[in-house]
Every structure is written in structure tokens, then in C-alpha cells.
């Protein structure tokens, strides 16, 4: 399973890789590898990333489009 939507979700939240690493207690290198689809995510990492980014796991893997923001 590749996390094709990870970078987009992280950037949409305005987080750097380092900030996301702190929030999820994952290594920066792990997040970089996941964003570049160089490694498969562990189940615990999927949950941490989805919670930190306020997205579904389906959105992280690119199976579900990100919700559109409507102007207030």
C-alpha cells in the first residue's frame, strides 16, 4: 500500500516533515520514505498519520479525494 495522498494532506495542514514527525512520533526519514513511496507503512503508522492530519486512511492512500473547502 502506497501513501500517495500523504504529502498533499501534510501540505494542506501546513506541516513540515519535522513537525509531522513530532506529532506522530515517527522518524523524519520514515515520513520521507512514505511520501516517496519507498516503503510500505506499518499499521500503527497509518493510524498516527491519519489522526495527525485529520484525514481517513483511504485519503492517505489516494483512494478518496480530499474534501473541498467551501468559502465561509
PDB file of N, CA and C in Angstrom:
ATOM      1  N   UNK A   1       0.843  -1.178   0.000  1.00  0.00           N
ATOM      2  CA  UNK A   1       0.000   0.000   0.000  1.00  0.00           C
ATOM      3  C   UNK A   1       0.890   1.243   0.000  1.00  0.00           C
ATOM      4  N   UNK A   2       0.708   2.085  -0.965  1.00  0.00           N
ATOM      5  CA  UNK A   2       1.479   3.319  -1.082  1.00  0.00           C
ATOM      6  C   UNK A   2       0.642   4.495  -0.581  1.00  0.00           C
ATOM      7  N   UNK A   3       1.288   5.444   0.068  1.00  0.00           N
ATOM      8  CA  UNK A   3       0.581   6.607   0.609  1.00  0.00           C
ATOM      9  C   UNK A   3       0.688   7.787  -0.344  1.00  0.00           C
ATOM     10  N   UNK A   4      -0.004   7.688  -1.457  1.00  0.00           N
ATOM     11  CA  UNK A   4       0.060   8.720  -2.479  1.00  0.00           C
ATOM     12  C   UNK A   4      -0.518  10.065  -2.034  1.00  0.00           C
ATOM     13  N   UNK A   5      -1.404  10.066  -1.059  1.00  0.00           N
ATOM     14  CA  UNK A   5      -2.010  11.312  -0.595  1.00  0.00           C
ATOM     15  C   UNK A   5      -1.341  11.918   0.629  1.00  0.00           C
ATOM     16  N   UNK A   6      -0.270  11.308   1.114  1.00  0.00           N
ATOM     17  CA  UNK A   6       0.373  11.784   2.346  1.00  0.00           C
ATOM     18  C   UNK A   6       0.941  13.188   2.203  1.00  0.00           C
ATOM     19  N   UNK A   7       1.711  13.429   1.176  1.00  0.00           N
ATOM     20  CA  UNK A   7       2.335  14.749   1.007  1.00  0.00           C
ATOM     21  C   UNK A   7       1.271  15.841   0.878  1.00  0.00           C
ATOM     22  N   UNK A   8       0.250  15.573   0.081  1.00  0.00           N
ATOM     23  CA  UNK A   8      -0.812  16.568  -0.110  1.00  0.00           C
ATOM     24  C   UNK A   8      -1.511  16.878   1.219  1.00  0.00           C
ATOM     25  N   UNK A   9      -1.828  15.852   1.977  1.00  0.00           N
ATOM     26  CA  UNK A   9      -2.504  16.049   3.265  1.00  0.00           C
ATOM     27  C   UNK A   9      -1.604  16.827   4.229  1.00  0.00           C
ATOM     28  N   UNK A  10      -0.322  16.516   4.243  1.00  0.00           N
ATOM     29  CA  UNK A  10       0.621  17.219   5.124  1.00  0.00           C
ATOM     30  C   UNK A  10       0.737  18.686   4.727  1.00  0.00           C
ATOM     31  N   UNK A  11       0.867  18.944   3.449  1.00  0.00           N
ATOM     32  CA  UNK A  11       0.993  20.327   2.985  1.00  0.00           C
ATOM     33  C   UNK A  11      -0.293  21.114   3.220  1.00  0.00           C
ATOM     34  N   UNK A  12      -1.438  20.461   3.044  1.00  0.00           N
ATOM     35  CA  UNK A  12      -2.715  21.127   3.288  1.00  0.00           C
ATOM     36  C   UNK A  12      -2.843  21.566   4.744  1.00  0.00           C
ATOM     37  N   UNK A  13      -2.273  20.791   5.658  1.00  0.00           N
ATOM     38  CA  UNK A  13      -2.282  21.160   7.073  1.00  0.00           C
ATOM     39  C   UNK A  13      -1.193  22.172   7.408  1.00  0.00           C
ATOM     40  N   UNK A  14      -0.296  22.445   6.444  1.00  0.00           N
ATOM     41  CA  UNK A  14       0.765  23.418   6.666  1.00  0.00           C
ATOM     42  C   UNK A  14       1.874  22.900   7.567  1.00  0.00           C
ATOM     43  N   UNK A  15       2.103  21.593   7.551  1.00  0.00           N
ATOM     44  CA  UNK A  15       3.121  20.999   8.408  1.00  0.00           C
ATOM     45  C   UNK A  15       4.366  20.633   7.608  1.00  0.00           C
ATOM     46  N   UNK A  16       5.512  20.819   8.225  1.00  0.00           N
ATOM     47  CA  UNK A  16       6.756  20.328   7.637  1.00  0.00           C
ATOM     48  C   UNK A  16       6.867  18.839   7.981  1.00  0.00           C
ATOM     49  N   UNK A  17       7.800  18.173   7.349  1.00  0.00           N
ATOM     50  CA  UNK A  17       8.020  16.766   7.665  1.00  0.00           C
ATOM     51  C   UNK A  17       8.432  16.631   9.133  1.00  0.00           C
ATOM     52  N   UNK A  18       9.272  17.534   9.604  1.00  0.00           N
ATOM     53  CA  UNK A  18       9.713  17.508  11.000  1.00  0.00           C
ATOM     54  C   UNK A  18       8.558  17.682  11.974  1.00  0.00           C
ATOM     55  N   UNK A  19       7.658  18.603  11.673  1.00  0.00           N
ATOM     56  CA  UNK A  19       6.501  18.826  12.544  1.00  0.00           C
ATOM     57  C   UNK A  19       5.595  17.604  12.575  1.00  0.00           C
ATOM     58  N   UNK A  20       5.382  16.997  11.416  1.00  0.00           N
ATOM     59  CA  UNK A  20       4.554  15.794  11.362  1.00  0.00           C
ATOM     60  C   UNK A  20       5.230  14.658  12.120  1.00  0.00           C
ATOM     61  N   UNK A  21       6.539  14.569  12.013  1.00  0.00           N
ATOM     62  CA  UNK A  21       7.280  13.539  12.747  1.00  0.00           C
ATOM     63  C   UNK A  21       7.084  13.710  14.255  1.00  0.00           C
ATOM     64  N   UNK A  22       7.150  14.945  14.730  1.00  0.00           N
ATOM     65  CA  UNK A  22       6.931  15.208  16.157  1.00  0.00           C
ATOM     66  C   UNK A  22       5.524  14.813  16.584  1.00  0.00           C
ATOM     67  N   UNK A  23       4.529  15.205  15.805  1.00  0.00           N
ATOM     68  CA  UNK A  23       3.135  14.912  16.153  1.00  0.00           C
ATOM     69  C   UNK A  23       2.831  13.425  16.176  1.00  0.00           C
ATOM     70  N   UNK A  24       3.460  12.674  15.282  1.00  0.00           N
ATOM     71  CA  UNK A  24       3.151  11.246  15.148  1.00  0.00           C
ATOM     72  C   UNK A  24       4.141  10.345  15.867  1.00  0.00           C
ATOM     73  N   UNK A  25       5.237  10.937  16.360  1.00  0.00           N
ATOM     74  CA  UNK A  25       6.311  10.166  16.983  1.00  0.00           C
ATOM     75  C   UNK A  25       6.903   9.147  16.011  1.00  0.00           C
ATOM     76  N   UNK A  26       6.928   9.527  14.733  1.00  0.00           N
ATOM     77  CA  UNK A  26       7.602   8.741  13.702  1.00  0.00           C
ATOM     78  C   UNK A  26       8.883   9.477  13.325  1.00  0.00           C
ATOM     79  N   UNK A  27       9.845   8.765  12.786  1.00  0.00           N
ATOM     80  CA  UNK A  27      11.088   9.396  12.349  1.00  0.00           C
ATOM     81  C   UNK A  27      10.851  10.197  11.069  1.00  0.00           C
ATOM     82  N   UNK A  28      11.591  11.282  10.926  1.00  0.00           N
ATOM     83  CA  UNK A  28      11.504  12.095   9.697  1.00  0.00           C
ATOM     84  C   UNK A  28      11.809  11.246   8.478  1.00  0.00           C
ATOM     85  N   UNK A  29      12.797  10.379   8.592  1.00  0.00           N
ATOM     86  CA  UNK A  29      13.196   9.517   7.481  1.00  0.00           C
ATOM     87  C   UNK A  29      12.055   8.593   7.069  1.00  0.00           C
ATOM     88  N   UNK A  30      11.292   8.134   8.055  1.00  0.00           N
ATOM     89  CA  UNK A  30      10.148   7.259   7.759  1.00  0.00           C
ATOM     90  C   UNK A  30       9.104   8.013   6.956  1.00  0.00           C
ATOM     91  N   UNK A  31       8.786   9.225   7.383  1.00  0.00           N
ATOM     92  CA  UNK A  31       7.776  10.018   6.683  1.00  0.00           C
ATOM     93  C   UNK A  31       8.244  10.340   5.265  1.00  0.00           C
ATOM     94  N   UNK A  32       9.506  10.691   5.108  1.00  0.00           N
ATOM     95  CA  UNK A  32      10.047  10.965   3.780  1.00  0.00           C
ATOM     96  C   UNK A  32       9.937   9.726   2.896  1.00  0.00           C
ATOM     97  N   UNK A  33      10.306   8.567   3.429  1.00  0.00           N
ATOM     98  CA  UNK A  33      10.218   7.319   2.652  1.00  0.00           C
ATOM     99  C   UNK A  33       8.778   7.000   2.274  1.00  0.00           C
ATOM    100  N   UNK A  34       7.842   7.262   3.186  1.00  0.00           N
ATOM    101  CA  UNK A  34       6.432   7.002   2.894  1.00  0.00           C
ATOM    102  C   UNK A  34       5.920   7.960   1.821  1.00  0.00           C
ATOM    103  N   UNK A  35       6.308   9.230   1.900  1.00  0.00           N
ATOM    104  CA  UNK A  35       5.872  10.207   0.896  1.00  0.00           C
ATOM    105  C   UNK A  35       6.408   9.866  -0.490  1.00  0.00           C
ATOM    106  N   UNK A  36       7.590   9.295  -0.547  1.00  0.00           N
ATOM    107  CA  UNK A  36       8.214   8.958  -1.831  1.00  0.00           C
ATOM    108  C   UNK A  36       7.910   7.520  -2.242  1.00  0.00           C
ATOM    109  N   UNK A  37       7.003   6.879  -1.497  1.00  0.00           N
ATOM    110  CA  UNK A  37       6.565   5.504  -1.790  1.00  0.00           C
ATOM    111  C   UNK A  37       7.733   4.524  -1.844  1.00  0.00           C
ATOM    112  N   UNK A  38       8.724   4.743  -0.979  1.00  0.00           N
ATOM    113  CA  UNK A  38       9.872   3.845  -0.930  1.00  0.00           C
ATOM    114  C   UNK A  38       9.707   2.730   0.091  1.00  0.00           C
ATOM    115  N   UNK A  39       8.713   2.847   0.964  1.00  0.00           N
ATOM    116  CA  UNK A  39       8.463   1.779   1.928  1.00  0.00           C
ATOM    117  C   UNK A  39       6.966   1.673   2.204  1.00  0.00           C
ATOM    118  N   UNK A  40       6.592   0.487   2.645  1.00  0.00           N
ATOM    119  CA  UNK A  40       5.194   0.226   2.983  1.00  0.00           C
ATOM    120  C   UNK A  40       4.937   0.706   4.413  1.00  0.00           C
ATOM    121  N   UNK A  41       3.814   1.357   4.665  1.00  0.00           N
ATOM    122  CA  UNK A  41       3.534   1.834   6.020  1.00  0.00           C
ATOM    123  C   UNK A  41       3.119   0.695   6.948  1.00  0.00           C
ATOM    124  N   UNK A  42       3.558   0.775   8.174  1.00  0.00           N
ATOM    125  CA  UNK A  42       3.119  -0.157   9.203  1.00  0.00           C
ATOM    126  C   UNK A  42       1.721   0.272   9.650  1.00  0.00           C
ATOM    127  N   UNK A  43       0.886  -0.671  10.102  1.00  0.00           N
ATOM    128  CA  UNK A  43      -0.478  -0.313  10.520  1.00  0.00           C
ATOM    129  C   UNK A  43      -0.528   0.778  11.584  1.00  0.00           C
ATOM    130  N   UNK A  44       0.380   0.729  12.565  1.00  0.00           N
ATOM    131  CA  UNK A  44       0.360   1.756  13.612  1.00  0.00           C
ATOM    132  C   UNK A  44       0.670   3.133  13.021  1.00  0.00           C
ATOM    133  N   UNK A  45       1.539   3.189  12.010  1.00  0.00           N
ATOM    134  CA  UNK A  45       1.900   4.462  11.391  1.00  0.00           C
ATOM    135  C   UNK A  45       0.717   5.055  10.628  1.00  0.00           C
ATOM    136  N   UNK A  46      -0.056   4.205   9.968  1.00  0.00           N
ATOM    137  CA  UNK A  46      -1.243   4.689   9.241  1.00  0.00           C
ATOM    138  C   UNK A  46      -2.195   5.423  10.176  1.00  0.00           C
ATOM    139  N   UNK A  47      -2.467   4.815  11.312  1.00  0.00           N
ATOM    140  CA  UNK A  47      -3.373   5.439  12.276  1.00  0.00           C
ATOM    141  C   UNK A  47      -2.839   6.752  12.798  1.00  0.00           C
ATOM    142  N   UNK A  48      -1.566   6.781  13.137  1.00  0.00           N
ATOM    143  CA  UNK A  48      -0.953   8.013  13.655  1.00  0.00           C
ATOM    144  C   UNK A  48      -1.000   9.128  12.619  1.00  0.00           C
ATOM    145  N   UNK A  49      -0.670   8.800  11.384  1.00  0.00           N
ATOM    146  CA  UNK A  49      -0.667   9.809  10.327  1.00  0.00           C
ATOM    147  C   UNK A  49      -2.079  10.324  10.052  1.00  0.00           C
ATOM    148  N   UNK A  50      -3.040   9.417   9.957  1.00  0.00           N
ATOM    149  CA  UNK A  50      -4.420   9.828   9.683  1.00  0.00           C
ATOM    150  C   UNK A  50      -4.944  10.741  10.791  1.00  0.00           C
ATOM    151  N   UNK A  51      -4.680  10.386  12.043  1.00  0.00           N
ATOM    152  CA  UNK A  51      -5.146  11.220  13.164  1.00  0.00           C
ATOM    153  C   UNK A  51      -4.469  12.582  13.149  1.00  0.00           C
ATOM    154  N   UNK A  52      -3.164  12.605  12.958  1.00  0.00           N
ATOM    155  CA  UNK A  52      -2.416  13.867  12.988  1.00  0.00           C
ATOM    156  C   UNK A  52      -2.836  14.798  11.858  1.00  0.00           C
ATOM    157  N   UNK A  53      -3.208  14.225  10.718  1.00  0.00           N
ATOM    158  CA  UNK A  53      -3.564  15.029   9.553  1.00  0.00           C
ATOM    159  C   UNK A  53      -5.071  15.226   9.399  1.00  0.00           C
ATOM    160  N   UNK A  54      -5.848  14.629  10.305  1.00  0.00           N
ATOM    161  CA  UNK A  54      -7.320  14.727  10.273  1.00  0.00           C
ATOM    162  C   UNK A  54      -7.888  14.265   8.934  1.00  0.00           C
ATOM    163  N   UNK A  55      -7.393  13.118   8.471  1.00  0.00           N
ATOM    164  CA  UNK A  55      -7.875  12.528   7.220  1.00  0.00           C
ATOM    165  C   UNK A  55      -8.134  11.047   7.441  1.00  0.00           C
ATOM    166  N   UNK A  56      -8.779  10.426   6.481  1.00  0.00           N
ATOM    167  CA  UNK A  56      -9.004   8.983   6.543  1.00  0.00           C
ATOM    168  C   UNK A  56      -7.790   8.263   5.957  1.00  0.00           C
ATOM    169  N   UNK A  57      -7.661   7.001   6.308  1.00  0.00           N
ATOM    170  CA  UNK A  57      -6.600   6.187   5.722  1.00  0.00           C
ATOM    171  C   UNK A  57      -6.795   6.109   4.208  1.00  0.00           C
ATOM    172  N   UNK A  58      -8.055   6.042   3.766  1.00  0.00           N
ATOM    173  CA  UNK A  58      -8.337   5.996   2.323  1.00  0.00           C
ATOM    174  C   UNK A  58      -7.791   7.226   1.617  1.00  0.00           C
ATOM    175  N   UNK A  59      -7.889   8.375   2.254  1.00  0.00           N
ATOM    176  CA  UNK A  59      -7.349   9.593   1.635  1.00  0.00           C
ATOM    177  C   UNK A  59      -5.823   9.533   1.574  1.00  0.00           C
ATOM    178  N   UNK A  60      -5.190   8.978   2.597  1.00  0.00           N
ATOM    179  CA  UNK A  60      -3.730   8.861   2.594  1.00  0.00           C
ATOM    180  C   UNK A  60      -3.233   7.992   1.449  1.00  0.00           C
ATOM    181  N   UNK A  61      -3.970   6.938   1.142  1.00  0.00           N
ATOM    182  CA  UNK A  61      -3.527   6.063   0.062  1.00  0.00           C
ATOM    183  C   UNK A  61      -3.983   6.569  -1.298  1.00  0.00           C
ATOM    184  N   UNK A  62      -4.729   7.653  -1.313  1.00  0.00           N
ATOM    185  CA  UNK A  62      -5.140   8.264  -2.565  1.00  0.00           C
ATOM    186  C   UNK A  62      -6.408   7.657  -3.144  1.00  0.00           C
ATOM    187  N   UNK A  63      -7.135   6.872  -2.334  1.00  0.00           N
ATOM    188  CA  UNK A  63      -8.357   6.237  -2.817  1.00  0.00           C
ATOM    189  C   UNK A  63      -9.576   7.144  -2.681  1.00  0.00           C
ATOM    190  N   UNK A  64      -9.450   8.172  -1.902  1.00  0.00           N
ATOM    191  CA  UNK A  64     -10.568   9.070  -1.623  1.00  0.00           C
ATOM    192  C   UNK A  64     -10.082  10.491  -1.817  1.00  0.00           C
ATOM    193  N   UNK A  65     -10.785  11.290  -2.584  1.00  0.00           N
ATOM    194  CA  UNK A  65     -10.322  12.673  -2.795  1.00  0.00           C
ATOM    195  C   UNK A  65     -10.451  13.494  -1.524  1.00  0.00           C
ATOM    196  N   UNK A  66      -9.584  14.464  -1.396  1.00  0.00           N
ATOM    197  CA  UNK A  66      -9.639  15.382  -0.259  1.00  0.00           C
ATOM    198  C   UNK A  66     -10.903  16.220  -0.380  1.00  0.00           C
ATOM    199  N   UNK A  67     -11.556  16.510   0.759  1.00  0.00           N
ATOM    200  CA  UNK A  67     -12.752  17.340   0.698  1.00  0.00           C
ATOM    201  C   UNK A  67     -12.419  18.754   0.256  1.00  0.00           C
ATOM    202  N   UNK A  68     -13.304  19.328  -0.514  1.00  0.00           N
ATOM    203  CA  UNK A  68     -13.120  20.699  -0.977  1.00  0.00           C
ATOM    204  C   UNK A  68     -13.510  21.652   0.128  1.00  0.00           C
ATOM    205  N   UNK A  69     -12.763  22.717   0.266  1.00  0.00           N
ATOM    206  CA  UNK A  69     -13.083  23.732   1.263  1.00  0.00           C
ATOM    207  C   UNK A  69     -14.051  24.726   0.621  1.00  0.00           C
ATOM    208  N   UNK A  70     -15.108  25.012   1.315  1.00  0.00           N
ATOM    209  CA  UNK A  70     -16.081  25.976   0.810  1.00  0.00           C
ATOM    210  C   UNK A  70     -15.835  27.314   1.489  1.00  0.00           C
ATOM    211  N   UNK A  71     -15.939  28.399   0.762  1.00  0.00           N
ATOM    212  CA  UNK A  71     -15.723  29.712   1.374  1.00  0.00           C
ATOM    213  C   UNK A  71     -16.794  30.013   2.401  1.00  0.00           C
ATOM    214  N   UNK A  72     -16.403  30.657   3.475  1.00  0.00           N
ATOM    215  CA  UNK A  72     -17.356  30.986   4.547  1.00  0.00           C
ATOM    216  C   UNK A  72     -18.096  32.252   4.256  1.00  0.00           C
TER     217      UNK A  72
END
